Amino acid sequence: MNFVHRWNGEYFGWFHDDALYTKDGRHVGSRRQNDVFGLDGRYLGEVKNHRLITRIGKVGSSDIRGVPMLRTVGTTVNPMNERPLDLPDGFHEFPPPGSF
């Protein structure tokens, strides 16, 4: 299990293998190399410097659809938020966990 944060420092959830889970245990996507796709195959963002961020130029792209996995129990470990980083040009924030 690898904990992951959004670019603004907010704790998002974790990766288990290549499956992305929100902090409350919902399976919302999968990682293919550094790109993250939703269960509907829609591009959500990517992993950059161990954080989630969305490249504007890739919004609208897609990959194969994923198969939703069973909801898992959220972790009892709730990592603290990290220091926010300035968004680089051509990127915007990865969607928050509550938007899925």
C-alpha atoms as a PDB file:
ATOM      1  CA  MET A   1       0.000   0.000   0.000  1.00  0.00           C
ATOM      2  CA  ASN A   2       1.433   3.353  -1.077  1.00  0.00           C
ATOM      3  CA  PHE A   3      -0.246   6.462   0.326  1.00  0.00           C
ATOM      4  CA  VAL A   4      -0.813   9.256  -2.175  1.00  0.00           C
ATOM      5  CA  HIS A   5      -1.640  12.966  -1.891  1.00  0.00           C
ATOM      6  CA  ARG A   6      -3.046  15.527  -4.294  1.00  0.00           C
ATOM      7  CA  TRP A   7      -0.799  18.340  -5.536  1.00  0.00           C
ATOM      8  CA  ASN A   8      -2.335  20.701  -2.971  1.00  0.00           C
ATOM      9  CA  GLY A   9      -1.071  18.369  -0.232  1.00  0.00           C
ATOM     10  CA  GLU A  10      -4.436  16.801   0.673  1.00  0.00           C
ATOM     11  CA  TYR A  11      -4.259  13.098   1.523  1.00  0.00           C
ATOM     12  CA  PHE A  12      -6.217  11.273  -1.209  1.00  0.00           C
ATOM     13  CA  GLY A  13      -5.853   7.577  -0.450  1.00  0.00           C
ATOM     14  CA  TRP A  14      -3.540   4.829  -1.611  1.00  0.00           C
ATOM     15  CA  PHE A  15      -2.429   2.587  -4.420  1.00  0.00           C
ATOM     16  CA  HIS A  16      -2.581  -1.147  -3.899  1.00  0.00           C
ATOM     17  CA  ASP A  17      -0.653  -2.612  -6.795  1.00  0.00           C
ATOM     18  CA  ASP A  18      -1.995  -0.349  -9.557  1.00  0.00           C
ATOM     19  CA  ALA A  19      -5.505   0.147  -8.130  1.00  0.00           C
ATOM     20  CA  LEU A  20      -6.264   3.624  -6.724  1.00  0.00           C
ATOM     21  CA  TYR A  21      -8.451   3.822  -3.597  1.00  0.00           C
ATOM     22  CA  THR A  22      -9.830   6.894  -1.849  1.00  0.00           C
ATOM     23  CA  LYS A  23      -9.097   7.396   1.841  1.00  0.00           C
ATOM     24  CA  ASP A  24     -12.475   5.831   2.678  1.00  0.00           C
ATOM     25  CA  GLY A  25     -11.683   2.673   0.705  1.00  0.00           C
ATOM     26  CA  ARG A  26     -13.496   3.193  -2.616  1.00  0.00           C
ATOM     27  CA  HIS A  27     -11.762   1.824  -5.722  1.00  0.00           C
ATOM     28  CA  VAL A  28     -11.878   4.729  -8.204  1.00  0.00           C
ATOM     29  CA  GLY A  29      -9.220   4.045 -10.791  1.00  0.00           C
ATOM     30  CA  SER A  30      -6.111   2.307 -11.997  1.00  0.00           C
ATOM     31  CA  ARG A  31      -2.582   3.392 -12.762  1.00  0.00           C
ATOM     32  CA  ARG A  32      -1.045   2.540 -16.110  1.00  0.00           C
ATOM     33  CA  GLN A  33       2.589   3.554 -15.863  1.00  0.00           C
ATOM     34  CA  ASN A  34       2.249   7.105 -14.468  1.00  0.00           C
ATOM     35  CA  ASP A  35      -1.238   7.837 -15.839  1.00  0.00           C
ATOM     36  CA  VAL A  36      -4.367   7.265 -13.745  1.00  0.00           C
ATOM     37  CA  PHE A  37      -7.659   6.292 -15.392  1.00  0.00           C
ATOM     38  CA  GLY A  38     -11.115   6.085 -13.842  1.00  0.00           C
ATOM     39  CA  LEU A  39     -13.127   2.892 -13.876  1.00  0.00           C
ATOM     40  CA  ASP A  40     -14.919   4.210 -16.979  1.00  0.00           C
ATOM     41  CA  GLY A  41     -11.550   4.448 -18.771  1.00  0.00           C
ATOM     42  CA  ARG A  42     -11.459   8.262 -18.615  1.00  0.00           C
ATOM     43  CA  TYR A  43      -8.113   9.974 -17.889  1.00  0.00           C
ATOM     44  CA  LEU A  44      -8.101  11.402 -14.357  1.00  0.00           C
ATOM     45  CA  GLY A  45      -4.513  12.478 -13.965  1.00  0.00           C
ATOM     46  CA  GLU A  46      -1.066  11.163 -13.292  1.00  0.00           C
ATOM     47  CA  VAL A  47       1.463  10.492 -10.597  1.00  0.00           C
ATOM     48  CA  LYS A  48       4.215  13.096 -10.562  1.00  0.00           C
ATOM     49  CA  ASN A  49       6.709  13.389  -7.701  1.00  0.00           C
ATOM     50  CA  HIS A  50       4.598  10.905  -5.684  1.00  0.00           C
ATOM     51  CA  ARG A  51       1.503  13.130  -5.937  1.00  0.00           C
ATOM     52  CA  LEU A  52      -1.642  13.170  -8.052  1.00  0.00           C
ATOM     53  CA  ILE A  53      -2.059  15.928 -10.633  1.00  0.00           C
ATOM     54  CA  THR A  54      -4.008  16.337 -13.885  1.00  0.00           C
ATOM     55  CA  ARG A  55      -2.324  17.314 -17.175  1.00  0.00           C
ATOM     56  CA  ILE A  56      -4.789  19.569 -19.013  1.00  0.00           C
ATOM     57  CA  GLY A  57      -3.676  18.323 -22.454  1.00  0.00           C
ATOM     58  CA  LYS A  58      -4.672  14.735 -21.604  1.00  0.00           C
ATOM     59  CA  VAL A  59      -8.175  15.511 -20.298  1.00  0.00           C
ATOM     60  CA  GLY A  60     -10.672  13.736 -22.544  1.00  0.00           C
ATOM     61  CA  SER A  61      -8.341  10.861 -23.403  1.00  0.00           C
ATOM     62  CA  SER A  62      -9.258   7.356 -22.384  1.00  0.00           C
ATOM     63  CA  ASP A  63      -7.963   3.838 -21.930  1.00  0.00           C
ATOM     64  CA  ILE A  64      -9.637   0.502 -21.436  1.00  0.00           C
ATOM     65  CA  ARG A  65     -12.365   0.397 -18.814  1.00  0.00           C
ATOM     66  CA  GLY A  66     -11.525  -0.985 -15.422  1.00  0.00           C
ATOM     67  CA  VAL A  67     -13.395  -3.500 -13.358  1.00  0.00           C
ATOM     68  CA  PRO A  68     -14.495  -2.108  -9.989  1.00  0.00           C
ATOM     69  CA  MET A  69     -13.092  -3.978  -7.055  1.00  0.00           C
ATOM     70  CA  LEU A  70     -14.834  -4.469  -3.758  1.00  0.00           C
ATOM     71  CA  ARG A  71     -14.740  -1.556  -1.396  1.00  0.00           C
ATOM     72  CA  THR A  72     -12.058  -1.968   1.209  1.00  0.00           C
ATOM     73  CA  VAL A  73     -12.020  -0.640   4.701  1.00  0.00           C
ATOM     74  CA  GLY A  74     -10.299   2.737   4.923  1.00  0.00           C
ATOM     75  CA  THR A  75      -6.982   2.602   6.669  1.00  0.00           C
ATOM     76  CA  THR A  76      -6.677   3.269  10.364  1.00  0.00           C
ATOM     77  CA  VAL A  77      -3.563   5.213   9.443  1.00  0.00           C
ATOM     78  CA  ASN A  78      -4.603   8.628   8.202  1.00  0.00           C
ATOM     79  CA  PRO A  79      -1.484  10.375   6.947  1.00  0.00           C
ATOM     80  CA  MET A  80      -1.307  14.070   7.555  1.00  0.00           C
ATOM     81  CA  ASN A  81      -1.722  16.421   4.662  1.00  0.00           C
ATOM     82  CA  GLU A  82       1.512  17.543   3.076  1.00  0.00           C
ATOM     83  CA  ARG A  83       2.784  20.968   2.120  1.00  0.00           C
ATOM     84  CA  PRO A  84       0.980  22.293  -0.980  1.00  0.00           C
ATOM     85  CA  LEU A  85       3.026  22.738  -4.145  1.00  0.00           C
ATOM     86  CA  ASP A  86       2.566  25.373  -6.831  1.00  0.00           C
ATOM     87  CA  LEU A  87       0.772  23.963  -9.874  1.00  0.00           C
ATOM     88  CA  PRO A  88       3.065  23.783 -12.901  1.00  0.00           C
ATOM     89  CA  ASP A  89       1.870  25.281 -16.192  1.00  0.00           C
ATOM     90  CA  GLY A  90      -0.405  22.950 -18.132  1.00  0.00           C
ATOM     91  CA  PHE A  91      -1.762  21.167 -15.051  1.00  0.00           C
ATOM     92  CA  HIS A  92      -4.671  21.477 -12.639  1.00  0.00           C
ATOM     93  CA  GLU A  93      -5.628  19.755  -9.398  1.00  0.00           C
ATOM     94  CA  PHE A  94      -6.506  16.074  -9.390  1.00  0.00           C
ATOM     95  CA  PRO A  95     -10.187  15.609  -8.456  1.00  0.00           C
ATOM     96  CA  PRO A  96     -10.823  15.373  -4.690  1.00  0.00           C
ATOM     97  CA  PRO A  97     -11.790  11.996  -3.189  1.00  0.00           C
ATOM     98  CA  GLY A  98     -15.382  13.140  -2.622  1.00  0.00           C
ATOM     99  CA  SER A  99     -15.937  13.731  -6.349  1.00  0.00           C
ATOM    100  CA  PHE A 100     -16.003  10.016  -7.187  1.00  0.00           C
END
